């Protein structure tokens, strides 16, 4: 990772006892954006050079534990300041590297300063909960299964002949979208079950299977058996997708960004080595007509945040084949 090598270079060249040690990230990044080390604490950070008049209110970030947002005077220009995003806890340095790379990518082509600050802080807000929660424990068992299911579907989608970048771009599960995959007029919701609950799936909202919002909704159900040291692990499927996408670098980078957004980081990979997933069955349903569901339009006034279950055995008449599904999913 490029940003990691820059920090290491700065840490090996500590000629400055206090203040900021700065190195511009890349000439291709339009804003005055730097990879930095705040001395004497040697805290890793990224720094954006902004005019004093555009200094943002950073009080909303005061509650953060392991990262800090700070504004520091530019000692070389009285009309300029540095907006800093600082890592306080080095345990999280790998996640912080990913976060900063993402922030830089998001603002790399912005030339207007107020827009730059807005986008940077909005993107940081998107990462905030992930950074605070992911810590050392990695993904929960439920989140691991859910991510495996989404990746299993993504691999099938790619193998159907879809172009890699548009296909990966339809994967919206990491951003907590209503459905896991969506493009234009279609959406696919992936549900993974296991153990004694193979025949019942849980729907998280009244909008998830509502085809009055998106005309074509498909439900992909993956039934799993979990075994220790047997079957495909979460690490295995990530590796297989990375290998598949290596010939399309933009798609490869987009996939890795979405993985990180989903909470999957290499530093946690040892936590995902034990449990293997074995496919009992997978089914695809088209959600239309009288498919068993609760929709937004069916709710009485004042009712919301609905969660419910669907029994798979009552959905058999809505089954469609894999070939039929991927013929319908166009994402050029």
Protein backbone atom coordinates (compact mmCIF):
# COMPACT_ATOMS: atom_id res chain seq x y z
CA UNK A 1 0.00 0.00 0.00
CA UNK A 2 1.53 3.29 -1.12
CA UNK A 3 0.55 5.34 1.93
CA UNK A 4 2.15 2.81 4.29
CA UNK A 5 5.49 3.11 2.50
CA UNK A 6 5.34 6.93 2.77
CA UNK A 7 4.73 6.77 6.52
CA UNK A 8 7.60 4.34 6.94
CA UNK A 9 9.85 6.68 4.98
CA UNK A 10 8.86 9.60 7.21
CA UNK A 11 9.40 7.52 10.36
CA UNK A 12 12.90 6.63 9.16
CA UNK A 13 13.76 10.28 8.54
CA UNK A 14 12.90 11.98 11.83
CA UNK A 15 14.99 15.14 11.54
CA UNK A 16 12.20 17.30 12.97
CA UNK A 17 11.60 17.38 16.71
CA UNK A 18 8.17 19.05 16.65
CA UNK A 19 5.43 20.07 14.27
CA UNK A 20 4.49 18.27 11.06
CA UNK A 21 6.69 16.17 8.83
CA UNK A 22 4.96 16.25 5.44
CA UNK A 23 5.16 14.51 2.09
CA UNK A 24 2.72 15.13 -0.75
CA UNK A 25 0.75 12.00 -1.58
CA UNK A 26 0.96 12.24 -5.38
CA UNK A 27 1.08 14.84 -8.14
CA UNK A 28 -2.08 13.30 -9.62
CA UNK A 29 -4.06 14.34 -6.52
CA UNK A 30 -5.26 17.90 -7.12
CA UNK A 31 -5.72 19.20 -3.55
CA UNK A 32 -2.79 20.11 -1.28
CA UNK A 33 -2.98 16.79 0.49
CA UNK A 34 -0.10 15.27 2.44
CA UNK A 35 0.83 12.10 4.24
CA UNK A 36 2.19 13.37 7.54
CA UNK A 37 3.78 12.58 10.87
CA UNK A 38 2.99 14.79 13.86
CA UNK A 39 6.06 15.18 16.04
CA UNK A 40 7.30 14.64 18.69
CA UNK A 41 4.61 11.97 19.29
CA UNK A 42 5.24 10.46 15.83
CA UNK A 43 1.52 10.15 15.16
CA UNK A 44 0.50 9.12 11.66
CA UNK A 45 -1.94 11.43 9.92
CA UNK A 46 -3.06 12.92 6.65
CA UNK A 47 -3.04 16.69 6.28
CA UNK A 48 -4.96 18.99 3.96
CA UNK A 49 -3.74 22.56 3.55
CA UNK A 50 -6.75 24.92 3.71
CA UNK A 51 -7.34 28.66 4.03
CA UNK A 52 -8.11 30.02 7.47
CA UNK A 53 -11.50 31.31 6.26
CA UNK A 54 -12.63 27.76 5.44
CA UNK A 55 -11.70 26.20 8.78
CA UNK A 56 -14.45 23.67 9.65
CA UNK A 57 -16.13 23.16 13.00
CA UNK A 58 -14.58 19.94 14.30
CA UNK A 59 -16.40 19.66 17.65
CA UNK A 60 -18.54 16.80 16.30
CA UNK A 61 -15.41 14.63 16.11
CA UNK A 62 -14.35 15.15 19.74
CA UNK A 63 -15.84 11.80 20.84
CA UNK A 64 -13.58 9.63 18.68
CA UNK A 65 -11.32 7.30 20.64
CA UNK A 66 -8.60 6.04 18.33
CA UNK A 67 -8.53 8.77 15.70
CA UNK A 68 -8.64 12.53 16.03
CA UNK A 69 -9.59 15.45 13.80
CA UNK A 70 -7.53 18.54 14.46
CA UNK A 71 -6.75 21.93 12.89
CA UNK A 72 -3.17 23.18 13.11
CA UNK A 73 -1.69 26.50 12.04
CA UNK A 74 0.55 26.41 8.97
CA UNK A 75 3.76 27.92 10.31
CA UNK A 76 4.86 29.03 6.83
CA UNK A 77 1.64 30.87 5.93
CA UNK A 78 -0.45 32.78 8.47
CA UNK A 79 -3.53 32.58 6.21
CA UNK A 80 -3.35 28.80 5.94
CA UNK A 81 -4.05 25.90 8.29
CA UNK A 82 -3.75 22.14 8.17
CA UNK A 83 -6.81 19.96 8.65
CA UNK A 84 -5.46 16.76 10.18
CA UNK A 85 -6.91 13.27 10.58
CA UNK A 86 -4.66 11.59 13.14
CA UNK A 87 -4.23 7.99 14.29
CA UNK A 88 -3.95 7.88 18.09
CA UNK A 89 -3.78 4.10 18.57
CA UNK A 90 -1.14 2.35 16.45
CA UNK A 91 -2.86 -1.00 16.94
CA UNK A 92 -5.21 0.16 14.18
CA UNK A 93 -2.51 1.34 11.76
CA UNK A 94 -3.49 -1.11 9.00
CA UNK A 95 -7.14 -0.07 9.09
CA UNK A 96 -6.11 3.58 9.28
CA UNK A 97 -4.00 3.13 6.14
CA UNK A 98 -7.03 1.78 4.26
CA UNK A 99 -9.22 4.59 5.59
CA UNK A 100 -6.74 7.29 4.50
CA UNK A 101 -6.26 5.75 1.05
CA UNK A 102 -10.02 5.83 0.60
CA UNK A 103 -10.29 9.44 1.79
CA UNK A 104 -7.58 10.48 -0.65
CA UNK A 105 -9.27 8.68 -3.56
CA UNK A 106 -12.59 10.37 -2.77
CA UNK A 107 -11.14 13.90 -2.91
CA UNK A 108 -8.36 13.41 -5.47
CA UNK A 109 -10.09 15.35 -8.26
CA UNK A 110 -11.75 18.10 -6.21
CA UNK A 111 -10.37 21.58 -6.83
CA UNK A 112 -12.83 23.70 -4.83
CA UNK A 113 -11.74 23.91 -1.19
CA UNK A 114 -15.09 24.02 0.60
CA UNK A 115 -16.26 21.02 -1.42
CA UNK A 116 -13.03 19.22 -0.59
CA UNK A 117 -13.52 19.70 3.16
CA UNK A 118 -17.17 18.66 2.96
CA UNK A 119 -16.46 15.46 1.02
CA UNK A 120 -13.48 14.56 3.22
CA UNK A 121 -15.41 14.86 6.48
CA UNK A 122 -18.54 13.22 5.08
CA UNK A 123 -16.45 10.25 3.97
CA UNK A 124 -14.76 10.10 7.37
CA UNK A 125 -18.22 9.97 8.94
CA UNK A 126 -19.00 6.93 6.77
CA UNK A 127 -15.90 5.17 8.11
CA UNK A 128 -16.39 6.27 11.71
CA UNK A 129 -18.57 3.40 12.97
CA UNK A 130 -16.51 0.78 11.17
CA UNK A 131 -13.27 2.11 12.60
CA UNK A 132 -14.66 2.31 16.12
CA UNK A 133 -16.27 -1.14 16.08
CA UNK A 134 -14.00 -3.35 14.02
CA UNK A 135 -11.05 -3.17 16.44
CA UNK A 136 -9.21 -6.43 16.94
CA UNK A 137 -12.23 -8.73 17.02
CA UNK A 138 -12.98 -8.74 13.30
CA UNK A 139 -16.41 -9.51 11.89
CA UNK A 140 -19.05 -11.27 13.98
CA UNK A 141 -20.00 -14.82 12.99
CA UNK A 142 -23.26 -13.51 11.49
CA UNK A 143 -21.44 -10.81 9.51
CA UNK A 144 -18.96 -13.41 8.22
CA UNK A 145 -21.77 -15.60 6.93
CA UNK A 146 -23.53 -12.64 5.36
CA UNK A 147 -20.36 -11.48 3.62
CA UNK A 148 -19.62 -15.00 2.40
CA UNK A 149 -23.10 -15.19 0.86
CA UNK A 150 -22.68 -11.87 -0.96
CA UNK A 151 -19.24 -12.88 -2.25
CA UNK A 152 -20.57 -16.28 -3.37
CA UNK A 153 -23.25 -14.53 -5.41
CA UNK A 154 -20.74 -11.98 -6.77
CA UNK A 155 -18.50 -14.81 -7.98
CA UNK A 156 -21.42 -16.44 -9.79
CA UNK A 157 -22.31 -13.06 -11.31
CA UNK A 158 -18.75 -12.59 -12.58
CA UNK A 159 -18.60 -16.15 -13.92
CA UNK A 160 -21.82 -15.53 -15.87
CA UNK A 161 -19.80 -13.36 -18.25
CA UNK A 162 -20.54 -9.91 -16.86
CA UNK A 163 -17.78 -7.31 -17.23
CA UNK A 164 -15.81 -7.14 -13.97
CA UNK A 165 -15.95 -3.45 -13.08
CA UNK A 166 -19.69 -2.89 -13.73
CA UNK A 167 -20.44 -6.18 -11.99
CA UNK A 168 -18.45 -5.33 -8.83
CA UNK A 169 -19.96 -1.85 -8.89
CA UNK A 170 -23.45 -3.33 -8.42
CA UNK A 171 -22.39 -4.78 -5.05
CA UNK A 172 -23.91 -2.36 -2.54
CA UNK A 173 -24.10 -4.61 0.53
CA UNK A 174 -21.03 -3.03 2.17
CA UNK A 175 -22.66 0.41 2.07
CA UNK A 176 -25.77 -0.94 3.86
CA UNK A 177 -28.04 -0.35 0.88
CA UNK A 178 -31.62 -1.67 1.00
CA UNK A 179 -30.62 -4.56 -1.29
CA UNK A 180 -27.20 -6.18 -1.62
CA UNK A 181 -26.88 -5.76 -5.41
CA UNK A 182 -28.59 -3.11 -7.45
CA UNK A 183 -28.34 -1.51 -10.87
CA UNK A 184 -30.94 0.46 -12.80
CA UNK A 185 -34.29 -1.29 -12.59
CA UNK A 186 -33.17 -4.48 -10.83
CA UNK A 187 -31.96 -5.53 -7.38
CA UNK A 188 -30.84 -8.78 -5.76
CA UNK A 189 -31.11 -9.44 -2.05
CA UNK A 190 -28.83 -12.22 -0.77
CA UNK A 191 -29.91 -14.20 2.29
CA UNK A 192 -27.70 -16.80 3.97
CA UNK A 193 -29.05 -19.38 6.44
CA UNK A 194 -27.40 -22.18 8.42
CA UNK A 195 -27.92 -24.75 11.17
CA UNK A 196 -31.51 -25.43 12.19
CA UNK A 197 -32.78 -22.32 10.45
CA UNK A 198 -32.20 -23.35 6.83
CA UNK A 199 -35.80 -22.92 5.72
CA UNK A 200 -36.59 -19.49 7.11
CA UNK A 201 -35.08 -16.18 6.01
CA UNK A 202 -35.25 -12.88 7.85
CA UNK A 203 -36.22 -9.68 6.03
CA UNK A 204 -34.92 -6.52 7.66
CA UNK A 205 -37.38 -3.91 6.39
CA UNK A 206 -40.64 -3.35 4.54
CA UNK A 207 -38.66 -1.89 1.62
CA UNK A 208 -36.33 -4.82 1.03
CA UNK A 209 -38.75 -6.86 -1.12
CA UNK A 210 -40.94 -3.98 -2.32
CA UNK A 211 -41.05 -4.02 -6.13
CA UNK A 212 -42.99 -0.77 -6.25
CA UNK A 213 -39.63 0.90 -5.49
CA UNK A 214 -37.47 -1.20 -7.85
CA UNK A 215 -39.41 -3.06 -10.59
CA UNK A 216 -37.33 -6.26 -10.63
CA UNK A 217 -36.34 -7.77 -7.29
CA UNK A 218 -34.73 -11.17 -6.93
CA UNK A 219 -34.07 -13.10 -3.73
CA UNK A 220 -30.99 -15.32 -3.67
CA UNK A 221 -31.06 -17.82 -0.80
CA UNK A 222 -27.90 -19.69 0.17
CA UNK A 223 -28.22 -22.55 2.68
CA UNK A 224 -24.94 -23.37 4.44
CA UNK A 225 -23.41 -26.05 6.64
CA UNK A 226 -20.58 -24.77 8.82
CA UNK A 227 -17.67 -27.12 9.58
CA UNK A 228 -14.34 -26.61 11.32
CA UNK A 229 -11.42 -27.03 8.87
CA UNK A 230 -13.73 -28.26 6.11
CA UNK A 231 -15.23 -26.33 3.22
CA UNK A 232 -14.46 -22.94 1.70
CA UNK A 233 -13.49 -20.28 4.23
CA UNK A 234 -14.18 -16.57 3.99
CA UNK A 235 -10.48 -16.08 3.26
CA UNK A 236 -10.66 -18.65 0.45
CA UNK A 237 -13.47 -16.91 -1.39
CA UNK A 238 -11.83 -13.50 -0.99
CA UNK A 239 -8.63 -14.93 -2.46
CA UNK A 240 -10.47 -16.52 -5.39
CA UNK A 241 -12.20 -13.25 -6.27
CA UNK A 242 -8.96 -11.27 -5.98
CA UNK A 243 -7.27 -13.71 -8.36
CA UNK A 244 -10.18 -13.46 -10.79
CA UNK A 245 -10.09 -9.65 -10.78
CA UNK A 246 -6.32 -9.19 -11.04
CA UNK A 247 -6.54 -8.75 -14.82
CA UNK A 248 -8.85 -5.75 -14.35
CA UNK A 249 -7.03 -3.40 -11.99
CA UNK A 250 -9.88 -0.84 -11.55
CA UNK A 251 -12.27 -3.69 -10.69
CA UNK A 252 -9.66 -5.21 -8.35
CA UNK A 253 -9.22 -1.92 -6.45
CA UNK A 254 -12.97 -1.33 -6.29
CA UNK A 255 -13.49 -4.84 -4.91
CA UNK A 256 -10.87 -4.32 -2.20
CA UNK A 257 -12.37 -0.97 -1.24
CA UNK A 258 -15.79 -2.58 -0.86
CA UNK A 259 -14.28 -5.43 1.16
CA UNK A 260 -12.81 -2.91 3.59
CA UNK A 261 -16.11 -1.06 3.73
CA UNK A 262 -17.74 -4.38 4.65
CA UNK A 263 -15.28 -4.73 7.55
CA UNK A 264 -12.97 -7.37 6.04
CA UNK A 265 -9.28 -6.58 6.65
CA UNK A 266 -6.21 -8.75 6.14
CA UNK A 267 -5.14 -8.17 9.74
CA UNK A 268 -8.14 -10.25 10.85
CA UNK A 269 -7.60 -13.10 8.37
CA UNK A 270 -6.41 -15.55 11.04
CA UNK A 271 -9.85 -15.20 12.66
CA UNK A 272 -11.50 -16.59 9.53
CA UNK A 273 -9.28 -19.66 8.96
CA UNK A 274 -11.18 -22.20 11.06
CA UNK A 275 -14.76 -22.18 9.76
CA UNK A 276 -15.49 -23.58 6.33
CA UNK A 277 -18.77 -23.18 4.46
CA UNK A 278 -20.40 -26.06 2.59
CA UNK A 279 -23.33 -25.32 0.28
CA UNK A 280 -26.42 -27.35 1.05
CA UNK A 281 -28.50 -25.64 -1.62
CA UNK A 282 -29.09 -22.32 -3.26
CA UNK A 283 -32.32 -20.98 -4.69
CA UNK A 284 -33.30 -17.93 -6.71
CA UNK A 285 -36.77 -16.40 -6.44
CA UNK A 286 -38.33 -13.63 -8.45
CA UNK A 287 -40.24 -11.33 -6.09
CA UNK A 288 -43.53 -10.32 -7.68
CA UNK A 289 -47.29 -10.71 -7.50
CA UNK A 290 -48.25 -12.64 -4.36
CA UNK A 291 -44.76 -13.49 -3.17
CA UNK A 292 -45.01 -13.68 0.67
CA UNK A 293 -43.78 -10.31 1.94
CA UNK A 294 -44.70 -7.08 3.65
CA UNK A 295 -44.38 -3.91 1.60
CA UNK A 296 -44.35 -0.23 2.47
CA UNK A 297 -47.70 0.46 0.78
CA UNK A 298 -49.40 -2.30 2.81
CA UNK A 299 -48.59 -0.70 6.17
CA UNK A 300 -51.06 1.28 8.21
CA UNK A 301 -50.10 4.90 8.99
CA UNK A 302 -47.67 5.07 11.88
CA UNK A 303 -46.19 1.59 11.31
CA UNK A 304 -42.57 1.29 10.25
CA UNK A 305 -39.22 -0.44 10.81
CA UNK A 306 -40.83 -3.79 10.04
CA UNK A 307 -38.84 -7.03 10.35
CA UNK A 308 -40.33 -10.38 9.41
CA UNK A 309 -39.55 -13.92 8.25
CA UNK A 310 -40.31 -15.74 5.01
CA UNK A 311 -40.69 -19.54 4.91
CA UNK A 312 -38.79 -20.87 1.89
CA UNK A 313 -41.14 -23.82 1.31
CA UNK A 314 -43.96 -21.36 0.56
CA UNK A 315 -41.99 -19.66 -2.23
CA UNK A 316 -41.39 -22.56 -4.62
CA UNK A 317 -43.67 -21.24 -7.35
CA UNK A 318 -41.42 -18.19 -7.70
CA UNK A 319 -38.23 -20.16 -8.37
CA UNK A 320 -36.19 -19.25 -11.44
CA UNK A 321 -33.00 -20.75 -12.83
CA UNK A 322 -29.52 -19.29 -12.50
CA UNK A 323 -29.26 -18.85 -16.27
CA UNK A 324 -32.55 -16.99 -16.35
CA UNK A 325 -31.46 -14.64 -13.57
CA UNK A 326 -28.13 -13.69 -15.10
CA UNK A 327 -29.75 -13.16 -18.48
CA UNK A 328 -31.89 -10.47 -16.83
CA UNK A 329 -29.11 -8.79 -14.82
CA UNK A 330 -27.62 -6.27 -17.21
CA UNK A 331 -25.00 -3.91 -15.78
CA UNK A 332 -23.08 -2.50 -18.76
